[in-house]
Amino acid sequence: MTMTRLADTPELPYFAVIFTSQASQADTAGYMRTAQHMLELAERQLGYLGVEETRDEDGVGITVAYWQSHEAIEAWKKQADHLDAQRLGRERWYNAFRLRITRVERATAWAVPKSSSI
């Protein structure tokens, strides 16, 4: 299983786009290149806050992208390279996917305290 670091998100509210997918295992190298490119593009989009993702050995993946507004999500949805990636996902890379958008109204965080050395 692979996983990126946890996203630092701002004060509430903000929005989460939850993308759950079942990979087809076709053109894995092309998928990985495109996924990296999409991440780099998303990071430059106005309103992008961060992402968390994981994929298991059976190809089931969950990506949660955080955004400031619905307008930012809509702009990302319509971004030209992203439209191409969406098309390729349907044609080649996914057997199935689910997309959910939600408003985050409550969030908590915790981490193991860092020890201080004297």
Protein backbone atom coordinates (compact mmCIF):
# COMPACT_ATOMS: atom_id res chain seq x y z
CA MET A 1 0.00 0.00 0.00
CA THR A 2 1.30 3.48 -0.82
CA MET A 3 0.28 6.70 0.86
CA THR A 4 1.24 10.32 0.69
CA ARG A 5 1.65 12.49 3.74
CA LEU A 6 -1.38 13.93 5.48
CA ALA A 7 -2.67 17.20 4.03
CA ASP A 8 -2.52 20.38 6.10
CA THR A 9 -5.94 21.96 5.76
CA PRO A 10 -7.06 25.47 6.73
CA GLU A 11 -9.75 26.70 9.03
CA LEU A 12 -13.21 25.37 8.34
CA PRO A 13 -15.19 25.12 6.19
CA TYR A 14 -13.53 23.74 3.07
CA PHE A 15 -14.42 21.02 0.57
CA ALA A 16 -13.22 17.49 -0.10
CA VAL A 17 -13.41 15.64 -3.41
CA ILE A 18 -13.28 11.92 -2.68
CA PHE A 19 -12.28 9.79 -5.67
CA THR A 20 -12.42 6.02 -5.13
CA SER A 21 -11.33 3.81 -8.00
CA GLN A 22 -10.64 0.27 -9.13
CA ALA A 23 -7.62 0.28 -11.44
CA SER A 24 -7.76 -1.80 -14.62
CA GLN A 25 -4.01 -2.55 -14.49
CA ALA A 26 -3.72 -1.43 -18.15
CA ASP A 27 -0.93 1.00 -19.07
CA THR A 28 0.27 1.36 -15.49
CA ALA A 29 3.27 3.47 -16.53
CA GLY A 30 1.04 5.89 -18.44
CA TYR A 31 -1.28 6.11 -15.48
CA MET A 32 1.56 6.88 -13.07
CA ARG A 33 2.95 9.62 -15.34
CA THR A 34 -0.47 11.19 -15.74
CA ALA A 35 -1.27 10.95 -12.02
CA GLN A 36 1.98 12.78 -11.20
CA HIS A 37 1.21 15.44 -13.82
CA MET A 38 -2.32 15.89 -12.40
CA LEU A 39 -0.89 16.39 -8.91
CA GLU A 40 1.56 19.01 -10.18
CA LEU A 41 -1.24 20.82 -12.04
CA ALA A 42 -3.64 20.66 -9.10
CA GLU A 43 -1.02 22.18 -6.81
CA ARG A 44 -0.98 25.25 -9.08
CA GLN A 45 -4.78 25.64 -9.18
CA LEU A 46 -6.37 28.51 -7.32
CA GLY A 47 -8.18 27.10 -4.30
CA TYR A 48 -6.22 23.83 -4.04
CA LEU A 49 -5.42 22.93 -0.43
CA GLY A 50 -3.84 19.47 -0.49
CA VAL A 51 -4.32 15.79 -1.20
CA GLU A 52 -4.17 12.44 0.54
CA GLU A 53 -4.11 9.18 -1.39
CA THR A 54 -3.60 5.46 -1.06
CA ARG A 55 -3.86 2.40 -3.31
CA ASP A 56 -3.82 -1.23 -2.25
CA GLU A 57 -2.26 -4.23 -3.99
CA ASP A 58 -5.62 -5.07 -5.64
CA GLY A 59 -5.74 -1.68 -7.37
CA VAL A 60 -8.39 -0.06 -5.17
CA GLY A 61 -7.42 3.55 -4.60
CA ILE A 62 -8.80 6.48 -2.64
CA THR A 63 -7.75 10.04 -3.34
CA VAL A 64 -9.09 12.92 -1.26
CA ALA A 65 -8.35 16.36 -2.66
CA TYR A 66 -9.13 19.42 -0.54
CA TRP A 67 -10.38 22.68 -2.04
CA GLN A 68 -11.42 26.11 -0.75
CA SER A 69 -14.69 26.29 -2.69
CA HIS A 70 -17.07 24.67 -5.16
CA GLU A 71 -15.83 27.18 -7.73
CA ALA A 72 -12.27 25.90 -7.33
CA ILE A 73 -13.49 22.32 -7.77
CA GLU A 74 -15.43 23.26 -10.92
CA ALA A 75 -12.39 25.06 -12.37
CA TRP A 76 -10.25 21.96 -11.75
CA LYS A 77 -12.90 19.70 -13.29
CA LYS A 78 -12.76 21.79 -16.49
CA GLN A 79 -8.95 22.14 -16.70
CA ALA A 80 -7.88 20.92 -20.20
CA ASP A 81 -5.22 18.36 -19.16
CA HIS A 82 -7.52 17.10 -16.42
CA LEU A 83 -10.32 16.60 -18.97
CA ASP A 84 -7.91 14.46 -21.03
CA ALA A 85 -6.96 12.44 -17.94
CA GLN A 86 -10.64 11.90 -17.11
CA ARG A 87 -11.26 10.57 -20.62
CA LEU A 88 -8.24 8.24 -20.44
CA GLY A 89 -9.38 7.04 -17.02
CA ARG A 90 -12.72 5.95 -18.46
CA GLU A 91 -11.16 4.45 -21.60
CA ARG A 92 -8.10 2.77 -20.14
CA TRP A 93 -7.16 3.06 -16.47
CA TYR A 94 -10.27 2.32 -14.39
CA ASN A 95 -12.71 -0.55 -14.23
CA ALA A 96 -14.92 1.58 -11.96
CA PHE A 97 -14.81 4.76 -9.92
CA ARG A 98 -16.91 6.86 -7.55
CA LEU A 99 -16.63 10.61 -7.07
CA ARG A 100 -18.06 12.36 -4.04
CA ILE A 101 -17.89 16.02 -3.04
CA THR A 102 -18.50 17.11 0.52
CA ARG A 103 -18.22 20.22 2.66
CA VAL A 104 -15.92 19.68 5.65
CA GLU A 105 -17.47 21.33 8.67
CA ARG A 106 -15.58 19.58 11.44
CA ALA A 107 -12.02 18.32 11.55
CA THR A 108 -9.66 17.24 14.29
CA ALA A 109 -6.00 16.31 14.16
CA TRP A 110 -3.52 14.51 16.37
CA ALA A 111 0.06 13.39 16.06
CA VAL A 112 2.55 11.72 18.34
CA PRO A 113 4.33 14.54 20.19
CA LYS A 114 7.91 15.09 19.10
CA SER A 115 10.32 14.36 21.91
CA SER A 116 12.69 17.06 22.96
CA SER A 117 16.28 16.23 23.69
CA ILE A 118 18.31 18.06 26.32
